[in-house]
Amino acid sequence: MENGNQKCCTAFQGFQRIASGQLANVALKTKEVIDRGEHEAVLIFDDVTGDQIEVDFRGTSQDVLRRVETTSQTTAAAAPADPERIAPRGPGRPKLGVVAREVTLLPRHWNWLNSQPGGASVALRKLVEVARRMNATKDSVRQSQDAAYRFMSAMAGNLPGFEEATRALFAGHRERFAQQIETWPVDVREHARKLATIAFHEVSAEL
C-alpha cells in the first residue's frame, strides 16, 4: 500500500533490523516476525525524528494495515494546514496567502518597521526569511542529533561507549562517534550513523 502520508521508518527485533520503508510495509514484515513467536522485543523508529512508532499488531495482517492506514489519515488530517491554501487571498496578492496574527513589539521596533520600504508587514516577512536561511544549517544539525540520540537511547543505552558516543554526537566529532559505536551490533551501528549523517555533514561543511 503506497501512501504519501505515511512515515518512513525502520523496525528492529532485538538488535537486528527487520525492514525499512513506509510504515505499512514495515508493519507487515514486523507482523510476520511477531507471528513466528519469536520473543525478542520489536521496536519501530521514525527515520526522520528517531521517535518510536506504536503499532497495534493484534489480529490479522489486514487488521494491522487497516489500523496503520487509519492512523496515518488521522495524523495527516490533524497536521497544521498550509496557510497558502486556506488563507483569504486579498486583492493585489492572489497567490501570497498572507495570514494575519498578533505581534507584540516595543514602540521603537514598530517605528523602525514602519519606516522600512513596504511597511511593517513586508519588513517582518523579509526578516523571518533571512533568519530561516541563516538558521537552516543549525536546525538541520539539531534535528539530526536529536533523532540519532533518541534511537541510540532506546537501542544502545546499555551498550559500551554509549555515553561517549552521545558526547561526540552533540560535539560534532564524527571520528570519535564512529570509534565509540564500532563494537555495536551492525544494524544498530549503521542506523545510528544514518540518523547522524546530516549533523556531521553540516558541521563539516561549516568548518
C-alpha atoms as a PDB file:
ATOM      1  CA  MET A   1       0.000   0.000   0.000  1.00  0.00           C
ATOM      2  CA  GLU A   2       1.529   3.269  -1.116  1.00  0.00           C
ATOM      3  CA  ASN A   3       0.506   6.278   0.911  1.00  0.00           C
ATOM      4  CA  GLY A   4       2.291   9.591   0.707  1.00  0.00           C
ATOM      5  CA  ASN A   5       1.076  10.466   4.199  1.00  0.00           C
ATOM      6  CA  GLN A   6       2.878   7.537   5.796  1.00  0.00           C
ATOM      7  CA  LYS A   7       6.085   7.842   7.736  1.00  0.00           C
ATOM      8  CA  CYS A   8       9.305   6.244   6.598  1.00  0.00           C
ATOM      9  CA  CYS A   9      10.554   4.047   9.393  1.00  0.00           C
ATOM     10  CA  THR A  10      12.794   1.161  10.414  1.00  0.00           C
ATOM     11  CA  ALA A  11      11.868  -1.839  12.553  1.00  0.00           C
ATOM     12  CA  PHE A  12      14.179  -3.843  14.784  1.00  0.00           C
ATOM     13  CA  GLN A  13      13.835  -7.167  16.535  1.00  0.00           C
ATOM     14  CA  GLY A  14      16.371  -7.007  19.294  1.00  0.00           C
ATOM     15  CA  PHE A  15      19.489  -5.627  17.621  1.00  0.00           C
ATOM     16  CA  GLN A  16      18.556  -6.929  14.158  1.00  0.00           C
ATOM     17  CA  ARG A  17      16.903  -4.754  11.545  1.00  0.00           C
ATOM     18  CA  ILE A  18      13.686  -6.246  10.201  1.00  0.00           C
ATOM     19  CA  ALA A  19      12.794  -3.765   7.476  1.00  0.00           C
ATOM     20  CA  SER A  20      12.889  -0.133   6.389  1.00  0.00           C
ATOM     21  CA  GLY A  21      10.431   1.864   4.303  1.00  0.00           C
ATOM     22  CA  GLN A  22       6.877   3.099   4.512  1.00  0.00           C
ATOM     23  CA  LEU A  23       5.085   2.241   7.724  1.00  0.00           C
ATOM     24  CA  ALA A  24       2.539  -0.103   6.107  1.00  0.00           C
ATOM     25  CA  ASN A  25       5.224  -2.285   4.520  1.00  0.00           C
ATOM     26  CA  VAL A  26       7.382  -2.273   7.632  1.00  0.00           C
ATOM     27  CA  ALA A  27       4.382  -3.144   9.800  1.00  0.00           C
ATOM     28  CA  LEU A  28       3.566  -6.149   7.606  1.00  0.00           C
ATOM     29  CA  LYS A  29       7.107  -7.514   7.773  1.00  0.00           C
ATOM     30  CA  THR A  30       7.191  -6.922  11.514  1.00  0.00           C
ATOM     31  CA  LYS A  31       3.854  -8.709  11.881  1.00  0.00           C
ATOM     32  CA  GLU A  32       5.366 -11.752  10.159  1.00  0.00           C
ATOM     33  CA  VAL A  33       8.208 -11.789  12.677  1.00  0.00           C
ATOM     34  CA  ILE A  34       5.855 -11.454  15.637  1.00  0.00           C
ATOM     35  CA  ASP A  35       3.599 -14.224  14.313  1.00  0.00           C
ATOM     36  CA  ARG A  36       6.565 -16.602  14.244  1.00  0.00           C
ATOM     37  CA  GLY A  37       6.503 -16.414  18.013  1.00  0.00           C
ATOM     38  CA  GLU A  38       9.985 -15.035  18.492  1.00  0.00           C
ATOM     39  CA  HIS A  39      10.499 -13.456  21.886  1.00  0.00           C
ATOM     40  CA  GLU A  40      12.915 -10.576  21.346  1.00  0.00           C
ATOM     41  CA  ALA A  41      11.361  -7.122  21.641  1.00  0.00           C
ATOM     42  CA  VAL A  42      10.265  -5.402  18.440  1.00  0.00           C
ATOM     43  CA  LEU A  43      10.627  -1.625  18.056  1.00  0.00           C
ATOM     44  CA  ILE A  44       9.813   0.665  15.121  1.00  0.00           C
ATOM     45  CA  PHE A  45      11.530   4.049  14.719  1.00  0.00           C
ATOM     46  CA  ASP A  46      10.643   7.100  12.653  1.00  0.00           C
ATOM     47  CA  ASP A  47      13.504   7.631  10.186  1.00  0.00           C
ATOM     48  CA  VAL A  48      13.290  11.420  10.497  1.00  0.00           C
ATOM     49  CA  THR A  49      12.746  12.064  14.201  1.00  0.00           C
ATOM     50  CA  GLY A  50      14.072   8.866  15.785  1.00  0.00           C
ATOM     51  CA  ASP A  51      10.840   8.575  17.771  1.00  0.00           C
ATOM     52  CA  GLN A  52       9.322   5.169  18.421  1.00  0.00           C
ATOM     53  CA  ILE A  53       6.165   4.393  16.461  1.00  0.00           C
ATOM     54  CA  GLU A  54       3.446   2.387  18.171  1.00  0.00           C
ATOM     55  CA  VAL A  55       1.654  -0.199  16.018  1.00  0.00           C
ATOM     56  CA  ASP A  56      -1.154  -2.470  17.185  1.00  0.00           C
ATOM     57  CA  PHE A  57      -0.266  -5.941  15.860  1.00  0.00           C
ATOM     58  CA  ARG A  58      -3.363  -7.735  17.111  1.00  0.00           C
ATOM     59  CA  GLY A  59      -5.491  -9.665  14.631  1.00  0.00           C
ATOM     60  CA  THR A  60      -4.689 -10.396  11.002  1.00  0.00           C
ATOM     61  CA  SER A  61      -2.297  -8.600   8.694  1.00  0.00           C
ATOM     62  CA  GLN A  62      -5.283  -6.811   7.152  1.00  0.00           C
ATOM     63  CA  ASP A  63      -6.343  -5.654  10.608  1.00  0.00           C
ATOM     64  CA  VAL A  64      -2.883  -4.205  11.158  1.00  0.00           C
ATOM     65  CA  LEU A  65      -2.864  -2.483   7.758  1.00  0.00           C
ATOM     66  CA  ARG A  66      -6.293  -1.001   8.353  1.00  0.00           C
ATOM     67  CA  ARG A  67      -5.235   0.468  11.690  1.00  0.00           C
ATOM     68  CA  VAL A  68      -1.996   1.840  10.207  1.00  0.00           C
ATOM     69  CA  GLU A  69      -3.890   3.465   7.351  1.00  0.00           C
ATOM     70  CA  THR A  70      -6.469   4.948   9.716  1.00  0.00           C
ATOM     71  CA  THR A  71      -3.762   6.339  11.994  1.00  0.00           C
ATOM     72  CA  SER A  72      -1.881   7.848   9.037  1.00  0.00           C
ATOM     73  CA  GLN A  73      -5.018   9.521   7.717  1.00  0.00           C
ATOM     74  CA  THR A  74      -5.900  10.863  11.162  1.00  0.00           C
ATOM     75  CA  THR A  75      -2.397  12.248  11.624  1.00  0.00           C
ATOM     76  CA  ALA A  76      -2.480  13.908   8.214  1.00  0.00           C
ATOM     77  CA  ALA A  77      -5.866  15.455   8.934  1.00  0.00           C
ATOM     78  CA  ALA A  78      -4.646  16.799  12.282  1.00  0.00           C
ATOM     79  CA  ALA A  79      -1.479  18.332  10.822  1.00  0.00           C
ATOM     80  CA  PRO A  80      -1.312  22.142  10.671  1.00  0.00           C
ATOM     81  CA  ALA A  81      -2.904  23.355   7.479  1.00  0.00           C
ATOM     82  CA  ASP A  82      -0.846  25.093   4.835  1.00  0.00           C
ATOM     83  CA  PRO A  83      -1.610  28.820   5.230  1.00  0.00           C
ATOM     84  CA  GLU A  84      -1.092  29.339   1.494  1.00  0.00           C
ATOM     85  CA  ARG A  85      -4.015  27.001   0.827  1.00  0.00           C
ATOM     86  CA  ILE A  86      -6.515  28.258   3.380  1.00  0.00           C
ATOM     87  CA  ALA A  87      -5.736  31.932   3.900  1.00  0.00           C
ATOM     88  CA  PRO A  88      -8.050  34.520   2.373  1.00  0.00           C
ATOM     89  CA  ARG A  89      -6.497  35.984  -0.736  1.00  0.00           C
ATOM     90  CA  GLY A  90      -6.795  39.723  -0.794  1.00  0.00           C
ATOM     91  CA  PRO A  91      -6.850  41.923  -3.844  1.00  0.00           C
ATOM     92  CA  GLY A  92      -3.477  42.516  -5.444  1.00  0.00           C
ATOM     93  CA  ARG A  93      -1.886  39.385  -3.831  1.00  0.00           C
ATOM     94  CA  PRO A  94      -3.815  36.418  -5.254  1.00  0.00           C
ATOM     95  CA  LYS A  95      -1.049  33.887  -4.529  1.00  0.00           C
ATOM     96  CA  LEU A  96       0.587  35.269  -1.408  1.00  0.00           C
ATOM     97  CA  GLY A  97      -1.711  33.678   1.170  1.00  0.00           C
ATOM     98  CA  VAL A  98      -0.920  36.171   3.932  1.00  0.00           C
ATOM     99  CA  VAL A  99      -2.099  35.213   7.442  1.00  0.00           C
ATOM    100  CA  ALA A 100      -2.887  37.946   9.967  1.00  0.00           C
ATOM    101  CA  ARG A 101      -1.741  37.289  13.559  1.00  0.00           C
ATOM    102  CA  GLU A 102      -0.907  39.434  16.542  1.00  0.00           C
ATOM    103  CA  VAL A 103       2.681  40.576  17.028  1.00  0.00           C
ATOM    104  CA  THR A 104       3.768  42.420  20.182  1.00  0.00           C
ATOM    105  CA  LEU A 105       6.755  44.751  19.891  1.00  0.00           C
ATOM    106  CA  LEU A 106       8.183  47.766  21.641  1.00  0.00           C
ATOM    107  CA  PRO A 107       7.403  51.211  20.191  1.00  0.00           C
ATOM    108  CA  ARG A 108      10.918  51.629  18.818  1.00  0.00           C
ATOM    109  CA  HIS A 109      10.553  48.329  16.945  1.00  0.00           C
ATOM    110  CA  TRP A 110       7.303  49.453  15.384  1.00  0.00           C
ATOM    111  CA  ASN A 111       8.844  52.800  14.451  1.00  0.00           C
ATOM    112  CA  TRP A 112      11.714  51.082  12.688  1.00  0.00           C
ATOM    113  CA  LEU A 113       9.463  48.569  10.908  1.00  0.00           C
ATOM    114  CA  ASN A 114       7.072  51.252   9.729  1.00  0.00           C
ATOM    115  CA  SER A 115       9.968  53.230   8.272  1.00  0.00           C
ATOM    116  CA  GLN A 116      11.040  50.318   6.044  1.00  0.00           C
ATOM    117  CA  PRO A 117      10.017  50.075   2.361  1.00  0.00           C
ATOM    118  CA  GLY A 118       6.655  48.350   2.184  1.00  0.00           C
ATOM    119  CA  GLY A 119       5.889  48.938   5.852  1.00  0.00           C
ATOM    120  CA  ALA A 120       5.963  46.660   8.892  1.00  0.00           C
ATOM    121  CA  SER A 121       4.472  43.535   7.321  1.00  0.00           C
ATOM    122  CA  VAL A 122       6.885  43.428   4.405  1.00  0.00           C
ATOM    123  CA  ALA A 123       9.850  44.131   6.675  1.00  0.00           C
ATOM    124  CA  LEU A 124       8.836  41.385   9.110  1.00  0.00           C
ATOM    125  CA  ARG A 125       8.471  38.828   6.337  1.00  0.00           C
ATOM    126  CA  LYS A 126      11.918  39.697   4.986  1.00  0.00           C
ATOM    127  CA  LEU A 127      13.450  39.407   8.459  1.00  0.00           C
ATOM    128  CA  VAL A 128      11.840  35.997   9.003  1.00  0.00           C
ATOM    129  CA  GLU A 129      13.114  34.691   5.659  1.00  0.00           C
ATOM    130  CA  VAL A 130      16.645  35.890   6.411  1.00  0.00           C
ATOM    131  CA  ALA A 131      16.529  34.228   9.854  1.00  0.00           C
ATOM    132  CA  ARG A 132      15.232  30.988   8.350  1.00  0.00           C
ATOM    133  CA  ARG A 133      18.088  30.856   5.851  1.00  0.00           C
ATOM    134  CA  MET A 134      20.695  31.714   8.466  1.00  0.00           C
ATOM    135  CA  ASN A 135      19.420  29.071  10.905  1.00  0.00           C
ATOM    136  CA  ALA A 136      18.684  26.323   8.375  1.00  0.00           C
ATOM    137  CA  THR A 137      22.000  24.567   8.924  1.00  0.00           C
ATOM    138  CA  LYS A 138      21.770  24.765  12.707  1.00  0.00           C
ATOM    139  CA  ASP A 139      18.214  23.444  12.621  1.00  0.00           C
ATOM    140  CA  SER A 140      19.237  20.511  10.423  1.00  0.00           C
ATOM    141  CA  VAL A 141      22.134  19.659  12.723  1.00  0.00           C
ATOM    142  CA  ARG A 142      19.940  19.786  15.817  1.00  0.00           C
ATOM    143  CA  GLN A 143      17.225  17.637  14.257  1.00  0.00           C
ATOM    144  CA  SER A 144      19.750  15.040  13.131  1.00  0.00           C
ATOM    145  CA  GLN A 145      21.425  14.966  16.537  1.00  0.00           C
ATOM    146  CA  ASP A 146      18.088  14.609  18.331  1.00  0.00           C
ATOM    147  CA  ALA A 147      16.933  11.798  16.042  1.00  0.00           C
ATOM    148  CA  ALA A 148      20.162   9.849  16.472  1.00  0.00           C
ATOM    149  CA  TYR A 149      20.104  10.357  20.237  1.00  0.00           C
ATOM    150  CA  ARG A 150      16.518   9.109  20.591  1.00  0.00           C
ATOM    151  CA  PHE A 151      17.319   5.975  18.614  1.00  0.00           C
ATOM    152  CA  MET A 152      20.589   5.376  20.450  1.00  0.00           C
ATOM    153  CA  SER A 153      18.959   5.834  23.844  1.00  0.00           C
ATOM    154  CA  ALA A 154      16.357   3.188  23.054  1.00  0.00           C
ATOM    155  CA  MET A 155      18.606   0.680  21.323  1.00  0.00           C
ATOM    156  CA  ALA A 156      22.103   1.248  22.669  1.00  0.00           C
ATOM    157  CA  GLY A 157      21.692   2.857  26.074  1.00  0.00           C
ATOM    158  CA  ASN A 158      23.315  -0.145  27.759  1.00  0.00           C
ATOM    159  CA  LEU A 159      25.982  -0.767  25.136  1.00  0.00           C
ATOM    160  CA  PRO A 160      29.632   0.157  25.734  1.00  0.00           C
ATOM    161  CA  GLY A 161      30.586   3.597  24.505  1.00  0.00           C
ATOM    162  CA  PHE A 162      27.043   4.984  24.583  1.00  0.00           C
ATOM    163  CA  GLU A 163      27.833   7.998  26.757  1.00  0.00           C
ATOM    164  CA  GLU A 164      30.996   8.889  24.864  1.00  0.00           C
ATOM    165  CA  ALA A 165      29.218   8.415  21.552  1.00  0.00           C
ATOM    166  CA  THR A 166      26.490  10.775  22.723  1.00  0.00           C
ATOM    167  CA  ARG A 167      29.045  13.411  23.680  1.00  0.00           C
ATOM    168  CA  ALA A 168      30.737  13.053  20.305  1.00  0.00           C
ATOM    169  CA  LEU A 169      27.387  13.308  18.523  1.00  0.00           C
ATOM    170  CA  PHE A 170      26.473  16.629  20.107  1.00  0.00           C
ATOM    171  CA  ALA A 171      30.023  17.940  19.805  1.00  0.00           C
ATOM    172  CA  GLY A 172      30.106  17.155  16.084  1.00  0.00           C
ATOM    173  CA  HIS A 173      33.101  14.805  16.355  1.00  0.00           C
ATOM    174  CA  ARG A 174      32.472  12.308  13.562  1.00  0.00           C
ATOM    175  CA  GLU A 175      35.585  10.174  14.041  1.00  0.00           C
ATOM    176  CA  ARG A 176      35.124   9.947  17.792  1.00  0.00           C
ATOM    177  CA  PHE A 177      31.497   8.982  17.284  1.00  0.00           C
ATOM    178  CA  ALA A 178      32.466   6.236  14.818  1.00  0.00           C
ATOM    179  CA  GLN A 179      35.075   4.864  17.219  1.00  0.00           C
ATOM    180  CA  GLN A 180      32.630   4.641  20.124  1.00  0.00           C
ATOM    181  CA  ILE A 181      29.933   2.790  18.184  1.00  0.00           C
ATOM    182  CA  GLU A 182      32.295   0.475  16.282  1.00  0.00           C
ATOM    183  CA  THR A 183      31.624  -2.528  18.561  1.00  0.00           C
ATOM    184  CA  TRP A 184      27.830  -2.133  18.493  1.00  0.00           C
ATOM    185  CA  PRO A 185      25.683  -4.673  16.624  1.00  0.00           C
ATOM    186  CA  VAL A 186      25.955  -3.955  12.906  1.00  0.00           C
ATOM    187  CA  ASP A 187      22.357  -2.930  12.237  1.00  0.00           C
ATOM    188  CA  VAL A 188      22.203  -0.640  15.280  1.00  0.00           C
ATOM    189  CA  ARG A 189      25.543   0.930  14.423  1.00  0.00           C
ATOM    190  CA  GLU A 190      24.612   1.572  10.798  1.00  0.00           C
ATOM    191  CA  HIS A 191      21.230   3.076  11.646  1.00  0.00           C
ATOM    192  CA  ALA A 192      22.784   5.381  14.231  1.00  0.00           C
ATOM    193  CA  ARG A 193      25.264   6.528  11.600  1.00  0.00           C
ATOM    194  CA  LYS A 194      22.456   7.089   9.112  1.00  0.00           C
ATOM    195  CA  LEU A 195      20.467   9.264  11.500  1.00  0.00           C
ATOM    196  CA  ALA A 196      23.566  11.271  12.429  1.00  0.00           C
ATOM    197  CA  THR A 197      24.739  11.787   8.832  1.00  0.00           C
ATOM    198  CA  ILE A 198      23.215  15.234   8.349  1.00  0.00           C
ATOM    199  CA  ALA A 199      24.618  16.504  11.639  1.00  0.00           C
ATOM    200  CA  PHE A 200      28.172  15.545  10.812  1.00  0.00           C
ATOM    201  CA  HIS A 201      27.899  16.572   7.173  1.00  0.00           C
ATOM    202  CA  GLU A 202      26.593  20.025   8.037  1.00  0.00           C
ATOM    203  CA  VAL A 203      29.136  20.514  10.829  1.00  0.00           C
ATOM    204  CA  SER A 204      31.956  19.565   8.460  1.00  0.00           C
ATOM    205  CA  ALA A 205      30.649  21.966   5.835  1.00  0.00           C
ATOM    206  CA  GLU A 206      30.862  24.829   8.326  1.00  0.00           C
ATOM    207  CA  LEU A 207      34.493  24.152   9.265  1.00  0.00           C
END
